[in-house]
Amino acid sequence: MRIAIEEPQPSWAEDFATLKLAIMRAAPAGAYLHHIGSTAIPGLPAKDIIDLQLTVTDLDGVDAEAFERAGFERRPIVIDHCPPGLELAEGELRKAFYRSKGRPANLHMRERGRFNQRYSLLCRDFLRAHPTAANAYAMIKQRLAQRFPEDVDFYYDIKDPVWTAPMNGQS
């Protein structure tokens, strides 16, 4: 996979709305969906991949086959990275992860109230409210993609801690 950061696209919000229809048909009762990640932050350059978070009561109660039928393939990721400086129980970072078989999208399923479920929304909302931090984050992503376009592991090893950095000291 080649990493390419694009200028913000007006279609990202519409793409989220379209994906939401398919996801919510497969979702368990009481689940809700948020647009997360860089494409959810107006004006932020990003990879053209929509990140979505489905919040569920219990990951074990999710019907994986329903999501397969809705066009999402389950992937082996079952835990989020822990932000630097924190020690969290594995249950606070557990998730299910799916990729869209159609329009590029990542579906992160997390349990309501867990650290990772709340944290992804806090980071998104922080960057929406702080344009200077969002611009700095965009610059880091663009420079990483320019310098290491073929090294996905390196890109995420650097980018993921930077993504969570705005929230360090904010709790």
Protein backbone atom coordinates (compact mmCIF):
# COMPACT_ATOMS: atom_id res chain seq x y z
CA MET A 1 0.00 0.00 0.00
CA ARG A 2 1.34 3.40 -0.97
CA ILE A 3 0.63 6.27 1.40
CA ALA A 4 -0.77 9.34 -0.32
CA ILE A 5 -2.14 12.33 1.56
CA GLU A 6 -4.77 14.25 -0.40
CA GLU A 7 -6.19 17.71 -0.05
CA PRO A 8 -9.52 17.73 1.82
CA GLN A 9 -12.43 16.48 -0.26
CA PRO A 10 -15.99 17.81 0.14
CA SER A 11 -17.23 14.30 -0.70
CA TRP A 12 -15.84 12.78 2.53
CA ALA A 13 -18.91 13.81 4.56
CA GLU A 14 -21.22 12.42 1.86
CA ASP A 15 -19.21 9.20 1.68
CA PHE A 16 -19.59 8.80 5.44
CA ALA A 17 -23.37 9.23 5.13
CA THR A 18 -23.54 6.57 2.40
CA LEU A 19 -21.41 4.10 4.38
CA LYS A 20 -23.52 4.77 7.46
CA LEU A 21 -26.63 3.39 5.76
CA ALA A 22 -25.01 -0.01 5.10
CA ILE A 23 -23.31 -0.19 8.48
CA MET A 24 -26.38 0.63 10.53
CA ARG A 25 -28.40 -2.07 8.74
CA ALA A 26 -25.84 -4.61 9.99
CA ALA A 27 -25.29 -3.05 13.42
CA PRO A 28 -26.71 -4.50 16.62
CA ALA A 29 -29.55 -2.69 18.38
CA GLY A 30 -28.41 0.37 20.30
CA ALA A 31 -25.23 0.85 18.28
CA TYR A 32 -24.29 4.27 16.94
CA LEU A 33 -21.80 5.48 14.36
CA HIS A 34 -19.36 8.40 14.21
CA HIS A 35 -17.11 9.72 11.46
CA ILE A 36 -13.61 9.75 12.99
CA GLY A 37 -10.05 10.19 11.80
CA SER A 38 -8.63 12.83 9.52
CA THR A 39 -11.43 12.80 6.93
CA ALA A 40 -13.81 13.83 9.74
CA ILE A 41 -11.91 17.07 10.37
CA PRO A 42 -12.94 19.82 7.93
CA GLY A 43 -10.02 21.20 5.95
CA LEU A 44 -7.54 18.52 7.02
CA PRO A 45 -5.52 16.72 4.33
CA ALA A 46 -5.83 12.95 4.67
CA LYS A 47 -5.56 9.58 3.01
CA ASP A 48 -8.74 9.01 0.98
CA ILE A 49 -9.98 6.42 3.48
CA ILE A 50 -13.05 7.10 5.59
CA ASP A 51 -12.65 6.02 9.21
CA LEU A 52 -15.81 5.17 11.09
CA GLN A 53 -16.40 4.15 14.68
CA LEU A 54 -19.32 1.91 15.53
CA THR A 55 -20.01 2.00 19.24
CA VAL A 56 -21.59 -1.19 20.55
CA THR A 57 -22.55 -2.50 23.97
CA ASP A 58 -20.62 -5.76 23.58
CA LEU A 59 -18.14 -6.71 20.85
CA ASP A 60 -18.97 -10.38 21.38
CA GLY A 61 -22.57 -9.68 20.38
CA VAL A 62 -21.69 -8.33 16.92
CA ASP A 63 -22.83 -10.45 13.96
CA ALA A 64 -19.67 -10.51 11.81
CA GLU A 65 -21.54 -12.17 8.94
CA ALA A 66 -23.98 -9.24 8.77
CA PHE A 67 -21.04 -6.92 8.16
CA GLU A 68 -19.63 -9.27 5.52
CA ARG A 69 -22.99 -9.10 3.73
CA ALA A 70 -22.90 -5.30 4.05
CA GLY A 71 -19.55 -5.21 2.21
CA PHE A 72 -17.04 -5.18 5.08
CA GLU A 73 -14.25 -7.69 5.61
CA ARG A 74 -13.06 -8.48 9.13
CA ARG A 75 -9.36 -7.88 9.68
CA PRO A 76 -7.09 -9.32 12.37
CA ILE A 77 -6.58 -6.12 14.40
CA VAL A 78 -8.15 -6.63 17.82
CA ILE A 79 -6.50 -3.95 19.96
CA ASP A 80 -5.68 -0.26 19.58
CA HIS A 81 -2.27 1.17 20.40
CA CYS A 82 -1.94 2.60 23.88
CA PRO A 83 -1.10 6.30 23.92
CA PRO A 84 2.43 6.99 25.16
CA GLY A 85 2.67 7.42 28.91
CA LEU A 86 -0.50 5.51 29.75
CA GLU A 87 -0.92 2.01 31.09
CA LEU A 88 -4.33 0.59 30.25
CA ALA A 89 -5.95 -2.79 30.62
CA GLU A 90 -6.32 -4.63 27.31
CA GLY A 91 -10.12 -4.44 27.63
CA GLU A 92 -9.91 -0.64 27.36
CA LEU A 93 -8.20 -0.97 23.96
CA ARG A 94 -10.05 -3.97 22.49
CA LYS A 95 -11.86 -3.56 19.18
CA ALA A 96 -13.03 -5.31 16.04
CA PHE A 97 -11.76 -3.94 12.75
CA TYR A 98 -13.30 -4.18 9.27
CA ARG A 99 -12.33 -2.83 5.85
CA SER A 100 -14.82 -1.89 3.21
CA LYS A 101 -14.76 -4.02 0.08
CA GLY A 102 -16.01 -0.99 -1.87
CA ARG A 103 -15.22 2.65 -1.21
CA PRO A 104 -12.00 2.67 0.90
CA ALA A 105 -13.10 2.79 4.54
CA ASN A 106 -12.02 1.42 7.91
CA LEU A 107 -14.68 0.44 10.43
CA HIS A 108 -13.49 0.41 14.03
CA MET A 109 -15.93 -1.28 16.42
CA ARG A 110 -15.44 -0.35 20.05
CA GLU A 111 -17.41 -0.88 23.22
CA ARG A 112 -19.37 2.01 24.70
CA GLY A 113 -17.49 3.78 27.48
CA ARG A 114 -14.13 2.12 26.90
CA PHE A 115 -11.06 4.32 26.73
CA ASN A 116 -10.48 3.76 22.99
CA GLN A 117 -14.11 4.55 22.16
CA ARG A 118 -14.00 7.89 23.98
CA TYR A 119 -10.44 8.78 23.00
CA SER A 120 -10.96 8.64 19.24
CA LEU A 121 -13.83 11.11 19.59
CA LEU A 122 -11.86 13.39 21.93
CA CYS A 123 -8.92 13.54 19.51
CA ARG A 124 -11.21 14.24 16.55
CA ASP A 125 -13.06 16.96 18.45
CA PHE A 126 -9.83 18.50 19.75
CA LEU A 127 -8.43 18.83 16.23
CA ARG A 128 -11.74 20.23 14.96
CA ALA A 129 -11.60 22.91 17.68
CA HIS A 130 -7.87 23.69 17.39
CA PRO A 131 -6.86 24.56 13.81
CA THR A 132 -3.21 25.18 14.73
CA ALA A 133 -2.88 21.65 16.14
CA ALA A 134 -4.73 20.26 13.10
CA ASN A 135 -2.39 22.08 10.71
CA ALA A 136 0.69 20.79 12.54
CA TYR A 137 -0.72 17.25 12.42
CA ALA A 138 -1.40 17.61 8.70
CA MET A 139 2.16 18.77 8.08
CA ILE A 140 3.59 15.76 9.92
CA LYS A 141 1.41 13.36 7.92
CA GLN A 142 2.29 15.00 4.62
CA ARG A 143 6.02 14.97 5.33
CA LEU A 144 5.95 11.34 6.49
CA ALA A 145 4.05 10.32 3.35
CA GLN A 146 6.47 12.23 1.11
CA ARG A 147 9.55 10.82 2.78
CA PHE A 148 8.35 7.23 3.36
CA PRO A 149 5.48 6.59 0.90
CA GLU A 150 6.10 2.83 0.77
CA ASP A 151 6.83 2.22 4.47
CA VAL A 152 3.37 1.85 6.01
CA ASP A 153 4.71 0.51 9.31
CA PHE A 154 7.05 3.46 9.77
CA TYR A 155 4.31 5.93 8.82
CA TYR A 156 1.96 4.58 11.50
CA ASP A 157 4.72 4.13 14.10
CA ILE A 158 5.30 7.89 13.93
CA LYS A 159 1.81 9.14 13.07
CA ASP A 160 -0.20 7.24 15.71
CA PRO A 161 1.57 8.72 18.75
CA VAL A 162 1.37 12.17 17.11
CA TRP A 163 -2.40 11.68 16.60
CA THR A 164 -2.83 11.14 20.32
CA ALA A 165 -0.37 13.87 21.39
CA PRO A 166 -2.93 16.72 21.38
CA MET A 167 -4.81 15.02 24.18
CA ASN A 168 -1.78 14.40 26.42
CA GLY A 169 -2.31 16.45 29.53
CA GLN A 170 -5.90 17.37 28.57
CA SER A 171 -7.70 15.04 31.00
